[in-house]
């Protein structure tokens, strides 16, 4: 599979939905996938994807992202506790460093239940 000259796309969150999306993208795009799981790295490579190790809970691990791809699909769930989505905040803050490079950001909500908000509405 030739990847030179293909547009680049970054998938953030390679759980169930992300892994289902990958086969639909690898023919048209050079796909990068952010994962915080060392175990997932080999699976991503086998799917024809370039894995990028990083953790949305630790912003300093995201330094590679700002100029990696002009299109980003954000599938990662929010933290399991609290009412503030620090993961999306960390992602947006690092992507802003590539100002003008990111052309499209698609956010897909979690397929699970949002974190425990201590009864807040």
PDB file of N, CA and C in Angstrom:
ATOM      1  N   UNK A   1       0.842  -1.171   0.000  1.00  0.00           N
ATOM      2  CA  UNK A   1       0.000   0.000   0.000  1.00  0.00           C
ATOM      3  C   UNK A   1       0.891   1.238   0.000  1.00  0.00           C
ATOM      4  N   UNK A   2       0.761   2.056  -1.021  1.00  0.00           N
ATOM      5  CA  UNK A   2       1.563   3.262  -1.154  1.00  0.00           C
ATOM      6  C   UNK A   2       0.963   4.377  -0.317  1.00  0.00           C
ATOM      7  N   UNK A   3       1.833   5.083   0.437  1.00  0.00           N
ATOM      8  CA  UNK A   3       1.329   6.146   1.302  1.00  0.00           C
ATOM      9  C   UNK A   3       1.903   7.507   0.930  1.00  0.00           C
ATOM     10  N   UNK A   4       2.881   7.552   0.044  1.00  0.00           N
ATOM     11  CA  UNK A   4       3.493   8.825  -0.313  1.00  0.00           C
ATOM     12  C   UNK A   4       2.486   9.650  -1.098  1.00  0.00           C
ATOM     13  N   UNK A   5       2.370  10.906  -0.748  1.00  0.00           N
ATOM     14  CA  UNK A   5       1.461  11.800  -1.428  1.00  0.00           C
ATOM     15  C   UNK A   5       0.034  11.769  -0.911  1.00  0.00           C
ATOM     16  N   UNK A   6      -0.262  10.855  -0.030  1.00  0.00           N
ATOM     17  CA  UNK A   6      -1.607  10.803   0.534  1.00  0.00           C
ATOM     18  C   UNK A   6      -1.758  11.886   1.593  1.00  0.00           C
ATOM     19  N   UNK A   7      -2.957  12.451   1.718  1.00  0.00           N
ATOM     20  CA  UNK A   7      -3.183  13.387   2.826  1.00  0.00           C
ATOM     21  C   UNK A   7      -3.080  12.645   4.154  1.00  0.00           C
ATOM     22  N   UNK A   8      -2.677  13.374   5.170  1.00  0.00           N
ATOM     23  CA  UNK A   8      -2.499  12.778   6.497  1.00  0.00           C
ATOM     24  C   UNK A   8      -3.716  13.046   7.374  1.00  0.00           C
ATOM     25  N   UNK A   9      -4.068  12.038   8.149  1.00  0.00           N
ATOM     26  CA  UNK A   9      -5.165  12.179   9.104  1.00  0.00           C
ATOM     27  C   UNK A   9      -4.726  11.561  10.429  1.00  0.00           C
ATOM     28  N   UNK A  10      -5.104  12.203  11.511  1.00  0.00           N
ATOM     29  CA  UNK A  10      -4.776  11.735  12.857  1.00  0.00           C
ATOM     30  C   UNK A  10      -6.048  11.266  13.541  1.00  0.00           C
ATOM     31  N   UNK A  11      -6.017  10.046  14.055  1.00  0.00           N
ATOM     32  CA  UNK A  11      -7.126   9.512  14.832  1.00  0.00           C
ATOM     33  C   UNK A  11      -6.710   9.545  16.297  1.00  0.00           C
ATOM     34  N   UNK A  12      -7.500  10.211  17.113  1.00  0.00           N
ATOM     35  CA  UNK A  12      -7.230  10.310  18.550  1.00  0.00           C
ATOM     36  C   UNK A  12      -8.273   9.459  19.262  1.00  0.00           C
ATOM     37  N   UNK A  13      -7.835   8.341  19.801  1.00  0.00           N
ATOM     38  CA  UNK A  13      -8.743   7.415  20.466  1.00  0.00           C
ATOM     39  C   UNK A  13      -9.027   6.216  19.587  1.00  0.00           C
ATOM     40  N   UNK A  14      -8.316   5.147  19.813  1.00  0.00           N
ATOM     41  CA  UNK A  14      -8.453   3.948  18.974  1.00  0.00           C
ATOM     42  C   UNK A  14      -9.078   2.804  19.748  1.00  0.00           C
ATOM     43  N   UNK A  15     -10.215   3.102  20.341  1.00  0.00           N
ATOM     44  CA  UNK A  15     -11.008   2.056  20.974  1.00  0.00           C
ATOM     45  C   UNK A  15     -11.848   1.375  19.914  1.00  0.00           C
ATOM     46  N   UNK A  16     -13.020   0.932  20.276  1.00  0.00           N
ATOM     47  CA  UNK A  16     -13.885   0.193  19.366  1.00  0.00           C
ATOM     48  C   UNK A  16     -14.225   0.991  18.109  1.00  0.00           C
ATOM     49  N   UNK A  17     -14.702   2.209  18.264  1.00  0.00           N
ATOM     50  CA  UNK A  17     -15.104   3.014  17.107  1.00  0.00           C
ATOM     51  C   UNK A  17     -13.888   3.377  16.262  1.00  0.00           C
ATOM     52  N   UNK A  18     -12.797   3.774  16.903  1.00  0.00           N
ATOM     53  CA  UNK A  18     -11.587   4.129  16.173  1.00  0.00           C
ATOM     54  C   UNK A  18     -11.044   2.976  15.349  1.00  0.00           C
ATOM     55  N   UNK A  19     -11.024   1.784  15.925  1.00  0.00           N
ATOM     56  CA  UNK A  19     -10.517   0.616  15.197  1.00  0.00           C
ATOM     57  C   UNK A  19     -11.428   0.257  14.020  1.00  0.00           C
ATOM     58  N   UNK A  20     -12.715   0.527  14.139  1.00  0.00           N
ATOM     59  CA  UNK A  20     -13.640   0.280  13.023  1.00  0.00           C
ATOM     60  C   UNK A  20     -13.462   1.318  11.913  1.00  0.00           C
ATOM     61  N   UNK A  21     -13.031   2.504  12.281  1.00  0.00           N
ATOM     62  CA  UNK A  21     -12.832   3.583  11.316  1.00  0.00           C
ATOM     63  C   UNK A  21     -11.562   3.384  10.486  1.00  0.00           C
ATOM     64  N   UNK A  22     -10.527   2.829  11.081  1.00  0.00           N
ATOM     65  CA  UNK A  22      -9.226   2.711  10.412  1.00  0.00           C
ATOM     66  C   UNK A  22      -9.281   2.065   9.030  1.00  0.00           C
ATOM     67  N   UNK A  23      -9.931   0.913   8.855  1.00  0.00           N
ATOM     68  CA  UNK A  23      -9.936   0.297   7.519  1.00  0.00           C
ATOM     69  C   UNK A  23     -10.588   1.172   6.451  1.00  0.00           C
ATOM     70  N   UNK A  24     -11.462   2.057   6.859  1.00  0.00           N
ATOM     71  CA  UNK A  24     -12.123   2.951   5.910  1.00  0.00           C
ATOM     72  C   UNK A  24     -11.212   4.089   5.467  1.00  0.00           C
ATOM     73  N   UNK A  25     -10.153   4.332   6.221  1.00  0.00           N
ATOM     74  CA  UNK A  25      -9.275   5.469   5.950  1.00  0.00           C
ATOM     75  C   UNK A  25      -7.944   5.106   5.306  1.00  0.00           C
ATOM     76  N   UNK A  26      -7.422   3.913   5.549  1.00  0.00           N
ATOM     77  CA  UNK A  26      -6.043   3.605   5.152  1.00  0.00           C
ATOM     78  C   UNK A  26      -5.803   3.623   3.647  1.00  0.00           C
ATOM     79  N   UNK A  27      -6.793   3.406   2.839  1.00  0.00           N
ATOM     80  CA  UNK A  27      -6.583   3.447   1.388  1.00  0.00           C
ATOM     81  C   UNK A  27      -6.446   4.875   0.867  1.00  0.00           C
ATOM     82  N   UNK A  28      -7.135   5.802   1.491  1.00  0.00           N
ATOM     83  CA  UNK A  28      -7.153   7.186   1.005  1.00  0.00           C
ATOM     84  C   UNK A  28      -6.174   8.091   1.749  1.00  0.00           C
ATOM     85  N   UNK A  29      -5.863   7.770   2.999  1.00  0.00           N
ATOM     86  CA  UNK A  29      -5.051   8.641   3.850  1.00  0.00           C
ATOM     87  C   UNK A  29      -3.825   7.919   4.383  1.00  0.00           C
ATOM     88  N   UNK A  30      -2.825   8.707   4.726  1.00  0.00           N
ATOM     89  CA  UNK A  30      -1.746   8.209   5.578  1.00  0.00           C
ATOM     90  C   UNK A  30      -2.256   8.437   6.996  1.00  0.00           C
ATOM     91  N   UNK A  31      -2.545   7.366   7.691  1.00  0.00           N
ATOM     92  CA  UNK A  31      -3.234   7.440   8.976  1.00  0.00           C
ATOM     93  C   UNK A  31      -2.235   7.341  10.127  1.00  0.00           C
ATOM     94  N   UNK A  32      -2.348   8.296  11.039  1.00  0.00           N
ATOM     95  CA  UNK A  32      -1.620   8.288  12.303  1.00  0.00           C
ATOM     96  C   UNK A  32      -2.661   8.081  13.394  1.00  0.00           C
ATOM     97  N   UNK A  33      -2.306   7.349  14.424  1.00  0.00           N
ATOM     98  CA  UNK A  33      -3.260   7.086  15.499  1.00  0.00           C
ATOM     99  C   UNK A  33      -2.587   7.289  16.846  1.00  0.00           C
ATOM    100  N   UNK A  34      -3.173   8.146  17.661  1.00  0.00           N
ATOM    101  CA  UNK A  34      -2.672   8.386  19.011  1.00  0.00           C
ATOM    102  C   UNK A  34      -3.200   7.299  19.933  1.00  0.00           C
ATOM    103  N   UNK A  35      -2.297   6.700  20.686  1.00  0.00           N
ATOM    104  CA  UNK A  35      -2.698   5.689  21.661  1.00  0.00           C
ATOM    105  C   UNK A  35      -1.860   5.829  22.922  1.00  0.00           C
ATOM    106  N   UNK A  36      -2.468   5.555  24.048  1.00  0.00           N
ATOM    107  CA  UNK A  36      -1.732   5.559  25.317  1.00  0.00           C
ATOM    108  C   UNK A  36      -1.405   4.135  25.750  1.00  0.00           C
ATOM    109  N   UNK A  37      -1.660   3.180  24.865  1.00  0.00           N
ATOM    110  CA  UNK A  37      -1.439   1.769  25.184  1.00  0.00           C
ATOM    111  C   UNK A  37      -0.287   1.198  24.360  1.00  0.00           C
ATOM    112  N   UNK A  38       0.774   0.781  25.039  1.00  0.00           N
ATOM    113  CA  UNK A  38       1.885   0.130  24.334  1.00  0.00           C
ATOM    114  C   UNK A  38       1.392  -1.144  23.640  1.00  0.00           C
ATOM    115  N   UNK A  39       0.447  -1.836  24.251  1.00  0.00           N
ATOM    116  CA  UNK A  39      -0.082  -3.069  23.668  1.00  0.00           C
ATOM    117  C   UNK A  39      -0.803  -2.816  22.343  1.00  0.00           C
ATOM    118  N   UNK A  40      -1.369  -1.640  22.169  1.00  0.00           N
ATOM    119  CA  UNK A  40      -2.141  -1.310  20.965  1.00  0.00           C
ATOM    120  C   UNK A  40      -1.231  -0.945  19.782  1.00  0.00           C
ATOM    121  N   UNK A  41       0.040  -0.624  20.054  1.00  0.00           N
ATOM    122  CA  UNK A  41       0.956  -0.172  18.997  1.00  0.00           C
ATOM    123  C   UNK A  41       1.077  -1.209  17.871  1.00  0.00           C
ATOM    124  N   UNK A  42       1.292  -2.460  18.193  1.00  0.00           N
ATOM    125  CA  UNK A  42       1.441  -3.503  17.177  1.00  0.00           C
ATOM    126  C   UNK A  42       0.149  -3.689  16.390  1.00  0.00           C
ATOM    127  N   UNK A  43      -0.977  -3.674  17.069  1.00  0.00           N
ATOM    128  CA  UNK A  43      -2.275  -3.816  16.405  1.00  0.00           C
ATOM    129  C   UNK A  43      -2.478  -2.702  15.387  1.00  0.00           C
ATOM    130  N   UNK A  44      -2.098  -1.483  15.753  1.00  0.00           N
ATOM    131  CA  UNK A  44      -2.241  -0.350  14.839  1.00  0.00           C
ATOM    132  C   UNK A  44      -1.324  -0.506  13.630  1.00  0.00           C
ATOM    133  N   UNK A  45      -0.086  -0.914  13.861  1.00  0.00           N
ATOM    134  CA  UNK A  45       0.841  -1.140  12.739  1.00  0.00           C
ATOM    135  C   UNK A  45       0.283  -2.198  11.788  1.00  0.00           C
ATOM    136  N   UNK A  46      -0.260  -3.258  12.335  1.00  0.00           N
ATOM    137  CA  UNK A  46      -0.823  -4.329  11.508  1.00  0.00           C
ATOM    138  C   UNK A  46      -2.028  -3.845  10.702  1.00  0.00           C
ATOM    139  N   UNK A  47      -2.683  -2.800  11.170  1.00  0.00           N
ATOM    140  CA  UNK A  47      -3.825  -2.220  10.454  1.00  0.00           C
ATOM    141  C   UNK A  47      -3.382  -1.212   9.396  1.00  0.00           C
ATOM    142  N   UNK A  48      -2.057  -1.037   9.226  1.00  0.00           N
ATOM    143  CA  UNK A  48      -1.543  -0.111   8.222  1.00  0.00           C
ATOM    144  C   UNK A  48      -1.451   1.319   8.691  1.00  0.00           C
ATOM    145  N   UNK A  49      -1.403   1.502   9.995  1.00  0.00           N
ATOM    146  CA  UNK A  49      -1.428   2.822  10.619  1.00  0.00           C
ATOM    147  C   UNK A  49      -0.087   3.101  11.290  1.00  0.00           C
ATOM    148  N   UNK A  50       0.293   4.372  11.355  1.00  0.00           N
ATOM    149  CA  UNK A  50       1.482   4.770  12.105  1.00  0.00           C
ATOM    150  C   UNK A  50       1.042   5.154  13.511  1.00  0.00           C
ATOM    151  N   UNK A  51       1.381   4.339  14.512  1.00  0.00           N
ATOM    152  CA  UNK A  51       0.975   4.667  15.885  1.00  0.00           C
ATOM    153  C   UNK A  51       1.848   5.766  16.475  1.00  0.00           C
ATOM    154  N   UNK A  52       1.229   6.632  17.251  1.00  0.00           N
ATOM    155  CA  UNK A  52       1.910   7.699  17.980  1.00  0.00           C
ATOM    156  C   UNK A  52       1.567   7.490  19.447  1.00  0.00           C
ATOM    157  N   UNK A  53       2.591   7.306  20.268  1.00  0.00           N
ATOM    158  CA  UNK A  53       2.334   7.104  21.689  1.00  0.00           C
ATOM    159  C   UNK A  53       2.154   8.452  22.369  1.00  0.00           C
ATOM    160  N   UNK A  54       1.044   8.602  23.078  1.00  0.00           N
ATOM    161  CA  UNK A  54       0.762   9.816  23.830  1.00  0.00           C
ATOM    162  C   UNK A  54      -0.438   9.584  24.722  1.00  0.00           C
ATOM    163  N   UNK A  55      -0.538  10.397  25.752  1.00  0.00           N
ATOM    164  CA  UNK A  55      -1.602  10.243  26.740  1.00  0.00           C
ATOM    165  C   UNK A  55      -2.294  11.589  26.917  1.00  0.00           C
ATOM    166  N   UNK A  56      -3.567  11.656  26.595  1.00  0.00           N
ATOM    167  CA  UNK A  56      -4.312  12.910  26.710  1.00  0.00           C
ATOM    168  C   UNK A  56      -4.373  13.428  28.140  1.00  0.00           C
ATOM    169  N   UNK A  57      -4.127  12.569  29.116  1.00  0.00           N
ATOM    170  CA  UNK A  57      -4.090  13.003  30.513  1.00  0.00           C
ATOM    171  C   UNK A  57      -2.744  13.611  30.888  1.00  0.00           C
ATOM    172  N   UNK A  58      -1.755  13.478  30.021  1.00  0.00           N
ATOM    173  CA  UNK A  58      -0.417  14.017  30.273  1.00  0.00           C
ATOM    174  C   UNK A  58       0.006  14.833  29.054  1.00  0.00           C
ATOM    175  N   UNK A  59      -0.316  16.115  29.075  1.00  0.00           N
ATOM    176  CA  UNK A  59      -0.142  16.991  27.919  1.00  0.00           C
ATOM    177  C   UNK A  59       1.273  16.971  27.347  1.00  0.00           C
ATOM    178  N   UNK A  60       2.275  16.790  28.189  1.00  0.00           N
ATOM    179  CA  UNK A  60       3.657  16.819  27.693  1.00  0.00           C
ATOM    180  C   UNK A  60       3.964  15.665  26.733  1.00  0.00           C
ATOM    181  N   UNK A  61       3.122  14.637  26.679  1.00  0.00           N
ATOM    182  CA  UNK A  61       3.354  13.517  25.764  1.00  0.00           C
ATOM    183  C   UNK A  61       2.775  13.776  24.375  1.00  0.00           C
ATOM    184  N   UNK A  62       2.115  14.900  24.182  1.00  0.00           N
ATOM    185  CA  UNK A  62       1.413  15.188  22.927  1.00  0.00           C
ATOM    186  C   UNK A  62       2.200  16.088  21.983  1.00  0.00           C
ATOM    187  N   UNK A  63       3.455  16.334  22.261  1.00  0.00           N
ATOM    188  CA  UNK A  63       4.248  17.324  21.528  1.00  0.00           C
ATOM    189  C   UNK A  63       4.368  17.037  20.032  1.00  0.00           C
ATOM    190  N   UNK A  64       4.183  15.811  19.586  1.00  0.00           N
ATOM    191  CA  UNK A  64       4.322  15.471  18.162  1.00  0.00           C
ATOM    192  C   UNK A  64       3.112  15.901  17.320  1.00  0.00           C
ATOM    193  N   UNK A  65       2.014  16.219  17.947  1.00  0.00           N
ATOM    194  CA  UNK A  65       0.746  16.353  17.234  1.00  0.00           C
ATOM    195  C   UNK A  65       0.528  17.621  16.411  1.00  0.00           C
ATOM    196  N   UNK A  66       1.037  18.800  16.780  1.00  0.00           N
ATOM    197  CA  UNK A  66       0.601  20.022  16.107  1.00  0.00           C
ATOM    198  C   UNK A  66       0.740  20.061  14.587  1.00  0.00           C
ATOM    199  N   UNK A  67       1.752  19.473  13.998  1.00  0.00           N
ATOM    200  CA  UNK A  67       1.940  19.537  12.547  1.00  0.00           C
ATOM    201  C   UNK A  67       1.930  18.155  11.903  1.00  0.00           C
ATOM    202  N   UNK A  68       1.325  17.210  12.559  1.00  0.00           N
ATOM    203  CA  UNK A  68       1.336  15.830  12.079  1.00  0.00           C
ATOM    204  C   UNK A  68       0.343  15.595  10.943  1.00  0.00           C
ATOM    205  N   UNK A  69      -0.846  16.139  11.054  1.00  0.00           N
ATOM    206  CA  UNK A  69      -1.892  15.907  10.058  1.00  0.00           C
ATOM    207  C   UNK A  69      -2.826  17.108  10.004  1.00  0.00           C
ATOM    208  N   UNK A  70      -3.319  17.404   8.811  1.00  0.00           N
ATOM    209  CA  UNK A  70      -4.229  18.539   8.640  1.00  0.00           C
ATOM    210  C   UNK A  70      -5.657  18.200   9.060  1.00  0.00           C
ATOM    211  N   UNK A  71      -5.947  16.915   9.170  1.00  0.00           N
ATOM    212  CA  UNK A  71      -7.274  16.477   9.590  1.00  0.00           C
ATOM    213  C   UNK A  71      -7.140  15.622  10.844  1.00  0.00           C
ATOM    214  N   UNK A  72      -8.037  15.859  11.793  1.00  0.00           N
ATOM    215  CA  UNK A  72      -8.003  15.153  13.073  1.00  0.00           C
ATOM    216  C   UNK A  72      -9.409  14.641  13.384  1.00  0.00           C
ATOM    217  N   UNK A  73      -9.487  13.376  13.787  1.00  0.00           N
ATOM    218  CA  UNK A  73     -10.746  12.802  14.266  1.00  0.00           C
ATOM    219  C   UNK A  73     -10.538  12.468  15.734  1.00  0.00           C
ATOM    220  N   UNK A  74     -11.313  13.130  16.597  1.00  0.00           N
ATOM    221  CA  UNK A  74     -11.175  12.978  18.056  1.00  0.00           C
ATOM    222  C   UNK A  74     -12.272  12.057  18.573  1.00  0.00           C
ATOM    223  N   UNK A  75     -11.862  10.853  18.992  1.00  0.00           N
ATOM    224  CA  UNK A  75     -12.794   9.831  19.467  1.00  0.00           C
ATOM    225  C   UNK A  75     -12.583   9.470  20.927  1.00  0.00           C
ATOM    226  N   UNK A  76     -11.567  10.041  21.553  1.00  0.00           N
ATOM    227  CA  UNK A  76     -11.218   9.641  22.921  1.00  0.00           C
ATOM    228  C   UNK A  76     -12.305  10.066  23.908  1.00  0.00           C
ATOM    229  N   UNK A  77     -12.606   9.216  24.862  1.00  0.00           N
ATOM    230  CA  UNK A  77     -13.630   9.556  25.857  1.00  0.00           C
ATOM    231  C   UNK A  77     -13.104  10.572  26.864  1.00  0.00           C
ATOM    232  N   UNK A  78     -14.012  11.261  27.547  1.00  0.00           N
ATOM    233  CA  UNK A  78     -13.592  12.169  28.617  1.00  0.00           C
ATOM    234  C   UNK A  78     -13.094  11.352  29.807  1.00  0.00           C
ATOM    235  N   UNK A  79     -12.454  12.016  30.775  1.00  0.00           N
ATOM    236  CA  UNK A  79     -12.045  11.300  31.988  1.00  0.00           C
ATOM    237  C   UNK A  79     -13.267  10.684  32.676  1.00  0.00           C
ATOM    238  N   UNK A  80     -13.042   9.641  33.432  1.00  0.00           N
ATOM    239  CA  UNK A  80     -14.157   8.948  34.083  1.00  0.00           C
ATOM    240  C   UNK A  80     -14.702   9.701  35.291  1.00  0.00           C
ATOM    241  N   UNK A  81     -13.995  10.703  35.769  1.00  0.00           N
ATOM    242  CA  UNK A  81     -14.431  11.496  36.923  1.00  0.00           C
ATOM    243  C   UNK A  81     -14.462  12.976  36.559  1.00  0.00           C
ATOM    244  N   UNK A  82     -15.388  13.700  37.156  1.00  0.00           N
ATOM    245  CA  UNK A  82     -15.418  15.151  37.032  1.00  0.00           C
ATOM    246  C   UNK A  82     -16.287  15.658  35.904  1.00  0.00           C
ATOM    247  N   UNK A  83     -16.458  16.969  35.877  1.00  0.00           N
ATOM    248  CA  UNK A  83     -17.331  17.607  34.898  1.00  0.00           C
ATOM    249  C   UNK A  83     -16.561  18.353  33.823  1.00  0.00           C
ATOM    250  N   UNK A  84     -15.237  18.374  33.904  1.00  0.00           N
ATOM    251  CA  UNK A  84     -14.407  19.066  32.915  1.00  0.00           C
ATOM    252  C   UNK A  84     -13.672  18.024  32.088  1.00  0.00           C
ATOM    253  N   UNK A  85     -13.738  18.171  30.775  1.00  0.00           N
ATOM    254  CA  UNK A  85     -13.056  17.240  29.882  1.00  0.00           C
ATOM    255  C   UNK A  85     -11.628  17.721  29.650  1.00  0.00           C
ATOM    256  N   UNK A  86     -10.753  17.372  30.564  1.00  0.00           N
ATOM    257  CA  UNK A  86      -9.350  17.799  30.474  1.00  0.00           C
ATOM    258  C   UNK A  86      -8.644  17.160  29.283  1.00  0.00           C
ATOM    259  N   UNK A  87      -9.085  16.019  28.840  1.00  0.00           N
ATOM    260  CA  UNK A  87      -8.450  15.366  27.690  1.00  0.00           C
ATOM    261  C   UNK A  87      -8.651  16.182  26.419  1.00  0.00           C
ATOM    262  N   UNK A  88      -9.885  16.588  26.170  1.00  0.00           N
ATOM    263  CA  UNK A  88     -10.139  17.418  24.992  1.00  0.00           C
ATOM    264  C   UNK A  88      -9.438  18.760  25.137  1.00  0.00           C
ATOM    265  N   UNK A  89      -9.431  19.313  26.335  1.00  0.00           N
ATOM    266  CA  UNK A  89      -8.720  20.571  26.582  1.00  0.00           C
ATOM    267  C   UNK A  89      -7.238  20.426  26.224  1.00  0.00           C
ATOM    268  N   UNK A  90      -6.597  19.364  26.697  1.00  0.00           N
ATOM    269  CA  UNK A  90      -5.176  19.150  26.399  1.00  0.00           C
ATOM    270  C   UNK A  90      -4.934  18.980  24.904  1.00  0.00           C
ATOM    271  N   UNK A  91      -5.818  18.251  24.234  1.00  0.00           N
ATOM    272  CA  UNK A  91      -5.679  18.050  22.794  1.00  0.00           C
ATOM    273  C   UNK A  91      -5.804  19.369  22.042  1.00  0.00           C
ATOM    274  N   UNK A  92      -6.835  20.142  22.344  1.00  0.00           N
ATOM    275  CA  UNK A  92      -7.040  21.408  21.641  1.00  0.00           C
ATOM    276  C   UNK A  92      -5.907  22.386  21.894  1.00  0.00           C
ATOM    277  N   UNK A  93      -5.396  22.401  23.108  1.00  0.00           N
ATOM    278  CA  UNK A  93      -4.293  23.303  23.437  1.00  0.00           C
ATOM    279  C   UNK A  93      -3.038  22.960  22.629  1.00  0.00           C
ATOM    280  N   UNK A  94      -2.726  21.677  22.489  1.00  0.00           N
ATOM    281  CA  UNK A  94      -1.532  21.302  21.727  1.00  0.00           C
ATOM    282  C   UNK A  94      -1.755  21.498  20.227  1.00  0.00           C
ATOM    283  N   UNK A  95      -2.944  21.210  19.726  1.00  0.00           N
ATOM    284  CA  UNK A  95      -3.219  21.407  18.306  1.00  0.00           C
ATOM    285  C   UNK A  95      -3.174  22.876  17.923  1.00  0.00           C
ATOM    286  N   UNK A  96      -3.511  23.762  18.849  1.00  0.00           N
ATOM    287  CA  UNK A  96      -3.457  25.204  18.586  1.00  0.00           C
ATOM    288  C   UNK A  96      -2.037  25.663  18.283  1.00  0.00           C
ATOM    289  N   UNK A  97      -1.044  24.915  18.721  1.00  0.00           N
ATOM    290  CA  UNK A  97       0.345  25.263  18.416  1.00  0.00           C
ATOM    291  C   UNK A  97       0.644  25.086  16.931  1.00  0.00           C
ATOM    292  N   UNK A  98      -0.188  24.342  16.240  1.00  0.00           N
ATOM    293  CA  UNK A  98      -0.057  24.186  14.794  1.00  0.00           C
ATOM    294  C   UNK A  98      -1.026  25.094  14.066  1.00  0.00           C
ATOM    295  N   UNK A  99      -1.245  26.271  14.613  1.00  0.00           N
ATOM    296  CA  UNK A  99      -2.216  27.227  14.079  1.00  0.00           C
ATOM    297  C   UNK A  99      -2.089  27.360  12.561  1.00  0.00           C
ATOM    298  N   UNK A 100      -3.195  27.186  11.879  1.00  0.00           N
ATOM    299  CA  UNK A 100      -3.218  27.285  10.432  1.00  0.00           C
ATOM    300  C   UNK A 100      -2.933  25.970   9.729  1.00  0.00           C
ATOM    301  N   UNK A 101      -2.364  25.003  10.427  1.00  0.00           N
ATOM    302  CA  UNK A 101      -2.047  23.714   9.807  1.00  0.00           C
ATOM    303  C   UNK A 101      -3.254  22.779   9.837  1.00  0.00           C
ATOM    304  N   UNK A 102      -3.951  22.748  10.962  1.00  0.00           N
ATOM    305  CA  UNK A 102      -5.129  21.886  11.100  1.00  0.00           C
ATOM    306  C   UNK A 102      -6.275  22.504  10.301  1.00  0.00           C
ATOM    307  N   UNK A 103      -6.782  21.760   9.314  1.00  0.00           N
ATOM    308  CA  UNK A 103      -7.880  22.261   8.488  1.00  0.00           C
ATOM    309  C   UNK A 103      -9.230  21.737   8.935  1.00  0.00           C
ATOM    310  N   UNK A 104      -9.228  20.572   9.567  1.00  0.00           N
ATOM    311  CA  UNK A 104     -10.509  19.966   9.930  1.00  0.00           C
ATOM    312  C   UNK A 104     -10.349  19.157  11.211  1.00  0.00           C
ATOM    313  N   UNK A 105     -11.266  19.379  12.138  1.00  0.00           N
ATOM    314  CA  UNK A 105     -11.308  18.617  13.382  1.00  0.00           C
ATOM    315  C   UNK A 105     -12.716  18.061  13.535  1.00  0.00           C
ATOM    316  N   UNK A 106     -12.812  16.747  13.625  1.00  0.00           N
ATOM    317  CA  UNK A 106     -14.098  16.079  13.802  1.00  0.00           C
ATOM    318  C   UNK A 106     -14.109  15.490  15.204  1.00  0.00           C
ATOM    319  N   UNK A 107     -15.136  15.834  15.975  1.00  0.00           N
ATOM    320  CA  UNK A 107     -15.290  15.297  17.324  1.00  0.00           C
ATOM    321  C   UNK A 107     -16.458  14.326  17.317  1.00  0.00           C
ATOM    322  N   UNK A 108     -16.200  13.110  17.757  1.00  0.00           N
ATOM    323  CA  UNK A 108     -17.254  12.109  17.858  1.00  0.00           C
ATOM    324  C   UNK A 108     -17.419  11.768  19.327  1.00  0.00           C
ATOM    325  N   UNK A 109     -18.597  11.988  19.837  1.00  0.00           N
ATOM    326  CA  UNK A 109     -18.874  11.766  21.249  1.00  0.00           C
ATOM    327  C   UNK A 109     -18.664  10.309  21.623  1.00  0.00           C
ATOM    328  N   UNK A 110     -18.399  10.084  22.879  1.00  0.00           N
ATOM    329  CA  UNK A 110     -18.197   8.732  23.384  1.00  0.00           C
ATOM    330  C   UNK A 110     -19.456   7.890  23.235  1.00  0.00           C
ATOM    331  N   UNK A 111     -19.250   6.600  23.052  1.00  0.00           N
ATOM    332  CA  UNK A 111     -20.389   5.685  22.995  1.00  0.00           C
ATOM    333  C   UNK A 111     -20.757   5.190  24.385  1.00  0.00           C
ATOM    334  N   UNK A 112     -20.005   5.637  25.393  1.00  0.00           N
ATOM    335  CA  UNK A 112     -20.273   5.267  26.782  1.00  0.00           C
ATOM    336  C   UNK A 112     -20.971   6.397  27.510  1.00  0.00           C
ATOM    337  N   UNK A 113     -21.090   6.242  28.791  1.00  0.00           N
ATOM    338  CA  UNK A 113     -21.718   7.244  29.636  1.00  0.00           C
ATOM    339  C   UNK A 113     -20.661   8.235  30.089  1.00  0.00           C
ATOM    340  N   UNK A 114     -21.003   9.521  30.133  1.00  0.00           N
ATOM    341  CA  UNK A 114     -20.065  10.555  30.565  1.00  0.00           C
ATOM    342  C   UNK A 114     -19.657  10.308  32.008  1.00  0.00           C
ATOM    343  N   UNK A 115     -18.497  10.816  32.376  1.00  0.00           N
ATOM    344  CA  UNK A 115     -17.933  10.598  33.713  1.00  0.00           C
ATOM    345  C   UNK A 115     -18.847  11.007  34.860  1.00  0.00           C
ATOM    346  N   UNK A 116     -18.521  10.564  36.047  1.00  0.00           N
ATOM    347  CA  UNK A 116     -19.273  10.874  37.262  1.00  0.00           C
ATOM    348  C   UNK A 116     -19.125  12.354  37.571  1.00  0.00           C
ATOM    349  N   UNK A 117     -20.212  13.082  37.497  1.00  0.00           N
ATOM    350  CA  UNK A 117     -20.197  14.531  37.719  1.00  0.00           C
ATOM    351  C   UNK A 117     -20.743  14.904  39.087  1.00  0.00           C
ATOM    352  N   UNK A 118     -20.752  13.965  40.021  1.00  0.00           N
ATOM    353  CA  UNK A 118     -21.185  14.229  41.388  1.00  0.00           C
ATOM    354  C   UNK A 118     -22.610  14.769  41.437  1.00  0.00           C
ATOM    355  N   UNK A 119     -23.470  14.333  40.527  1.00  0.00           N
ATOM    356  CA  UNK A 119     -24.859  14.755  40.519  1.00  0.00           C
ATOM    357  C   UNK A 119     -25.109  16.086  39.835  1.00  0.00           C
ATOM    358  N   UNK A 120     -24.060  16.726  39.293  1.00  0.00           N
ATOM    359  CA  UNK A 120     -24.231  18.019  38.618  1.00  0.00           C
ATOM    360  C   UNK A 120     -25.043  17.841  37.345  1.00  0.00           C
ATOM    361  N   UNK A 121     -25.793  18.878  36.996  1.00  0.00           N
ATOM    362  CA  UNK A 121     -26.587  18.828  35.773  1.00  0.00           C
ATOM    363  C   UNK A 121     -26.103  19.846  34.783  1.00  0.00           C
TER     364      UNK A 121
END
